[in-house]
Amino acid sequence: MNESSSKDTIGAALIVLGLVAAAVDLFYTPFIFTPVAALLMLVGIGVSTKHRRFGVTAAIVISTCFVIGAAAAVWSSRALY
């Protein structure tokens, strides 16, 4: 296993953790987990050179989860943070 392979694996894992945080964000509180998800996704993109397209897709999913979660929280009068 070489160094670039391990960096790509770590980058992909961070992007996936960002997506998991976005899924939690969708159903729990939108303003707590979105910064964590975005930070994990950005670090994952920065570490990995192979998974940049996956990171861009994750950015779209994270932002969509944030908008839908915030709208649902306002609509159902849940706490936003």
N, C-alpha and C. Protein backbone atom coordinates (compact mmCIF):
# COMPACT_ATOMS: atom_id res chain seq x y z
N MET A 1 0.85 -1.17 0.00
CA MET A 1 0.00 0.00 0.00
C MET A 1 0.90 1.23 0.00
N ASN A 2 0.72 2.08 -0.99
CA ASN A 2 1.55 3.27 -1.07
C ASN A 2 0.88 4.47 -0.41
N GLU A 3 1.61 5.58 -0.37
CA GLU A 3 1.14 6.76 0.35
C GLU A 3 -0.08 7.39 -0.30
N SER A 4 -0.13 7.45 -1.62
CA SER A 4 -1.27 8.06 -2.29
C SER A 4 -2.53 7.22 -2.11
N SER A 5 -2.38 5.92 -2.05
CA SER A 5 -3.53 5.04 -1.83
C SER A 5 -4.12 5.24 -0.44
N SER A 6 -3.26 5.40 0.55
CA SER A 6 -3.78 5.62 1.90
C SER A 6 -4.39 7.01 2.03
N LYS A 7 -3.84 8.00 1.36
CA LYS A 7 -4.44 9.34 1.36
C LYS A 7 -5.81 9.33 0.70
N ASP A 8 -5.93 8.60 -0.40
CA ASP A 8 -7.22 8.50 -1.07
C ASP A 8 -8.25 7.79 -0.21
N THR A 9 -7.83 6.78 0.51
CA THR A 9 -8.74 6.07 1.41
C THR A 9 -9.20 6.96 2.55
N ILE A 10 -8.27 7.70 3.14
CA ILE A 10 -8.63 8.62 4.22
C ILE A 10 -9.54 9.72 3.70
N GLY A 11 -9.24 10.25 2.52
CA GLY A 11 -10.09 11.28 1.93
C GLY A 11 -11.50 10.79 1.66
N ALA A 12 -11.62 9.58 1.13
CA ALA A 12 -12.95 9.01 0.87
C ALA A 12 -13.70 8.77 2.17
N ALA A 13 -12.99 8.32 3.20
CA ALA A 13 -13.64 8.08 4.49
C ALA A 13 -14.14 9.38 5.10
N LEU A 14 -13.36 10.46 4.98
CA LEU A 14 -13.80 11.75 5.50
C LEU A 14 -15.02 12.27 4.74
N ILE A 15 -15.04 12.08 3.44
CA ILE A 15 -16.20 12.51 2.64
C ILE A 15 -17.44 11.72 3.04
N VAL A 16 -17.28 10.42 3.25
CA VAL A 16 -18.41 9.59 3.67
C VAL A 16 -18.89 10.01 5.06
N LEU A 17 -17.98 10.33 5.97
CA LEU A 17 -18.37 10.82 7.29
C LEU A 17 -19.12 12.14 7.18
N GLY A 18 -18.73 12.97 6.23
CA GLY A 18 -19.47 14.20 5.97
C GLY A 18 -20.88 13.92 5.49
N LEU A 19 -21.03 12.92 4.66
CA LEU A 19 -22.37 12.54 4.19
C LEU A 19 -23.22 11.98 5.32
N VAL A 20 -22.61 11.23 6.22
CA VAL A 20 -23.34 10.70 7.38
C VAL A 20 -23.79 11.86 8.27
N ALA A 21 -22.90 12.83 8.48
CA ALA A 21 -23.27 14.00 9.27
C ALA A 21 -24.40 14.78 8.59
N ALA A 22 -24.42 14.83 7.27
CA ALA A 22 -25.51 15.50 6.55
C ALA A 22 -26.82 14.75 6.71
N ALA A 23 -26.77 13.43 6.74
CA ALA A 23 -27.99 12.64 6.95
C ALA A 23 -28.53 12.86 8.35
N VAL A 24 -27.65 12.93 9.34
CA VAL A 24 -28.08 13.23 10.71
C VAL A 24 -28.65 14.64 10.76
N ASP A 25 -28.00 15.54 10.04
CA ASP A 25 -28.44 16.93 9.94
C ASP A 25 -29.85 17.04 9.37
N LEU A 26 -30.17 16.20 8.45
CA LEU A 26 -31.49 16.23 7.81
C LEU A 26 -32.60 15.89 8.79
N PHE A 27 -32.34 14.97 9.70
CA PHE A 27 -33.38 14.51 10.60
C PHE A 27 -33.30 15.06 12.02
N TYR A 28 -32.20 15.71 12.36
CA TYR A 28 -32.05 16.15 13.75
C TYR A 28 -32.09 17.68 13.82
N THR A 29 -30.98 18.36 13.85
CA THR A 29 -30.95 19.81 13.89
C THR A 29 -30.02 20.32 12.79
N PRO A 30 -30.53 21.13 11.88
CA PRO A 30 -29.76 21.50 10.70
C PRO A 30 -28.54 22.37 10.95
N PHE A 31 -28.54 23.20 11.96
CA PHE A 31 -27.44 24.14 12.12
C PHE A 31 -26.31 23.62 12.99
N ILE A 32 -26.42 22.42 13.51
CA ILE A 32 -25.35 21.86 14.32
C ILE A 32 -24.42 20.98 13.47
N PHE A 33 -24.97 20.13 12.65
CA PHE A 33 -24.16 19.16 11.93
C PHE A 33 -23.69 19.62 10.55
N THR A 34 -24.28 20.67 10.00
CA THR A 34 -23.86 21.13 8.68
C THR A 34 -22.42 21.62 8.66
N PRO A 35 -21.98 22.44 9.63
CA PRO A 35 -20.56 22.84 9.60
C PRO A 35 -19.61 21.66 9.75
N VAL A 36 -19.98 20.68 10.55
CA VAL A 36 -19.14 19.49 10.71
C VAL A 36 -19.08 18.72 9.39
N ALA A 37 -20.23 18.56 8.74
CA ALA A 37 -20.28 17.84 7.47
C ALA A 37 -19.46 18.57 6.41
N ALA A 38 -19.60 19.89 6.35
CA ALA A 38 -18.86 20.66 5.35
C ALA A 38 -17.36 20.61 5.61
N LEU A 39 -16.97 20.69 6.87
CA LEU A 39 -15.55 20.64 7.19
C LEU A 39 -14.94 19.28 6.85
N LEU A 40 -15.66 18.21 7.20
CA LEU A 40 -15.17 16.87 6.87
C LEU A 40 -15.05 16.69 5.36
N MET A 41 -16.04 17.18 4.63
CA MET A 41 -16.02 17.06 3.18
C MET A 41 -14.87 17.85 2.58
N LEU A 42 -14.63 19.07 3.05
CA LEU A 42 -13.54 19.88 2.51
C LEU A 42 -12.17 19.29 2.82
N VAL A 43 -12.00 18.76 4.01
CA VAL A 43 -10.72 18.12 4.35
C VAL A 43 -10.54 16.85 3.50
N GLY A 44 -11.61 16.11 3.31
CA GLY A 44 -11.53 14.91 2.47
C GLY A 44 -11.17 15.23 1.04
N ILE A 45 -11.71 16.31 0.51
CA ILE A 45 -11.36 16.72 -0.86
C ILE A 45 -9.91 17.18 -0.92
N GLY A 46 -9.47 17.89 0.13
CA GLY A 46 -8.09 18.37 0.15
C GLY A 46 -7.07 17.25 0.27
N VAL A 47 -7.41 16.20 0.98
CA VAL A 47 -6.48 15.08 1.17
C VAL A 47 -6.41 14.21 -0.07
N SER A 48 -7.55 13.94 -0.67
CA SER A 48 -7.62 12.98 -1.77
C SER A 48 -7.57 13.69 -3.11
N THR A 49 -6.77 13.17 -4.01
CA THR A 49 -6.77 13.68 -5.38
C THR A 49 -7.67 12.83 -6.28
N LYS A 50 -7.92 11.61 -5.87
CA LYS A 50 -8.69 10.67 -6.68
C LYS A 50 -10.20 10.88 -6.53
N HIS A 51 -10.66 11.33 -5.37
CA HIS A 51 -12.08 11.38 -5.07
C HIS A 51 -12.65 12.80 -5.08
N ARG A 52 -12.12 13.67 -5.90
CA ARG A 52 -12.61 15.05 -5.94
C ARG A 52 -14.03 15.12 -6.52
N ARG A 53 -14.34 14.34 -7.51
CA ARG A 53 -15.68 14.35 -8.09
C ARG A 53 -16.70 13.83 -7.07
N PHE A 54 -16.34 12.83 -6.30
CA PHE A 54 -17.18 12.33 -5.23
C PHE A 54 -17.39 13.42 -4.18
N GLY A 55 -16.36 14.21 -3.92
CA GLY A 55 -16.48 15.32 -2.97
C GLY A 55 -17.42 16.41 -3.45
N VAL A 56 -17.39 16.70 -4.73
CA VAL A 56 -18.31 17.70 -5.28
C VAL A 56 -19.75 17.20 -5.19
N THR A 57 -19.96 15.93 -5.47
CA THR A 57 -21.29 15.35 -5.31
C THR A 57 -21.72 15.39 -3.85
N ALA A 58 -20.80 15.13 -2.95
CA ALA A 58 -21.10 15.20 -1.52
C ALA A 58 -21.45 16.62 -1.11
N ALA A 59 -20.79 17.61 -1.68
CA ALA A 59 -21.11 19.01 -1.37
C ALA A 59 -22.53 19.35 -1.79
N ILE A 60 -22.96 18.86 -2.93
CA ILE A 60 -24.33 19.09 -3.38
C ILE A 60 -25.32 18.40 -2.46
N VAL A 61 -25.02 17.18 -2.05
CA VAL A 61 -25.91 16.43 -1.14
C VAL A 61 -25.98 17.11 0.22
N ILE A 62 -24.84 17.55 0.74
CA ILE A 62 -24.80 18.21 2.04
C ILE A 62 -25.61 19.50 2.02
N SER A 63 -25.45 20.29 0.98
CA SER A 63 -26.21 21.54 0.92
C SER A 63 -27.70 21.29 0.73
N THR A 64 -28.06 20.27 -0.02
CA THR A 64 -29.46 19.92 -0.19
C THR A 64 -30.06 19.43 1.12
N CYS A 65 -29.33 18.60 1.85
CA CYS A 65 -29.81 18.13 3.16
C CYS A 65 -29.99 19.30 4.11
N PHE A 66 -29.10 20.27 4.07
CA PHE A 66 -29.22 21.43 4.93
C PHE A 66 -30.48 22.23 4.62
N VAL A 67 -30.73 22.49 3.35
CA VAL A 67 -31.90 23.28 2.96
C VAL A 67 -33.18 22.54 3.31
N ILE A 68 -33.26 21.27 3.00
CA ILE A 68 -34.47 20.49 3.31
C ILE A 68 -34.65 20.35 4.82
N GLY A 69 -33.57 20.10 5.56
CA GLY A 69 -33.67 19.98 7.01
C GLY A 69 -34.08 21.29 7.67
N ALA A 70 -33.54 22.41 7.20
CA ALA A 70 -33.91 23.71 7.77
C ALA A 70 -35.36 24.05 7.45
N ALA A 71 -35.79 23.77 6.23
CA ALA A 71 -37.18 24.03 5.86
C ALA A 71 -38.14 23.16 6.67
N ALA A 72 -37.81 21.91 6.86
CA ALA A 72 -38.65 21.02 7.65
C ALA A 72 -38.67 21.44 9.12
N ALA A 73 -37.54 21.91 9.63
CA ALA A 73 -37.49 22.35 11.02
C ALA A 73 -38.33 23.60 11.23
N VAL A 74 -38.30 24.52 10.29
CA VAL A 74 -39.12 25.73 10.40
C VAL A 74 -40.59 25.37 10.26
N TRP A 75 -40.90 24.48 9.33
CA TRP A 75 -42.28 24.11 9.07
C TRP A 75 -42.90 23.38 10.27
N SER A 76 -42.12 22.51 10.92
CA SER A 76 -42.64 21.73 12.03
C SER A 76 -42.33 22.35 13.39
N SER A 77 -41.82 23.54 13.39
CA SER A 77 -41.44 24.31 14.59
C SER A 77 -40.50 23.54 15.51
N ARG A 78 -39.58 22.78 14.92
CA ARG A 78 -38.50 22.13 15.67
C ARG A 78 -37.42 23.16 15.96
N ALA A 79 -36.57 22.87 16.89
CA ALA A 79 -35.45 23.76 17.18
C ALA A 79 -34.44 23.69 16.03
N LEU A 80 -33.94 24.83 15.63
CA LEU A 80 -32.99 24.87 14.52
C LEU A 80 -31.56 24.61 14.98
N TYR A 81 -31.27 24.80 16.26
CA TYR A 81 -29.92 24.57 16.76
C TYR A 81 -29.95 24.06 18.16
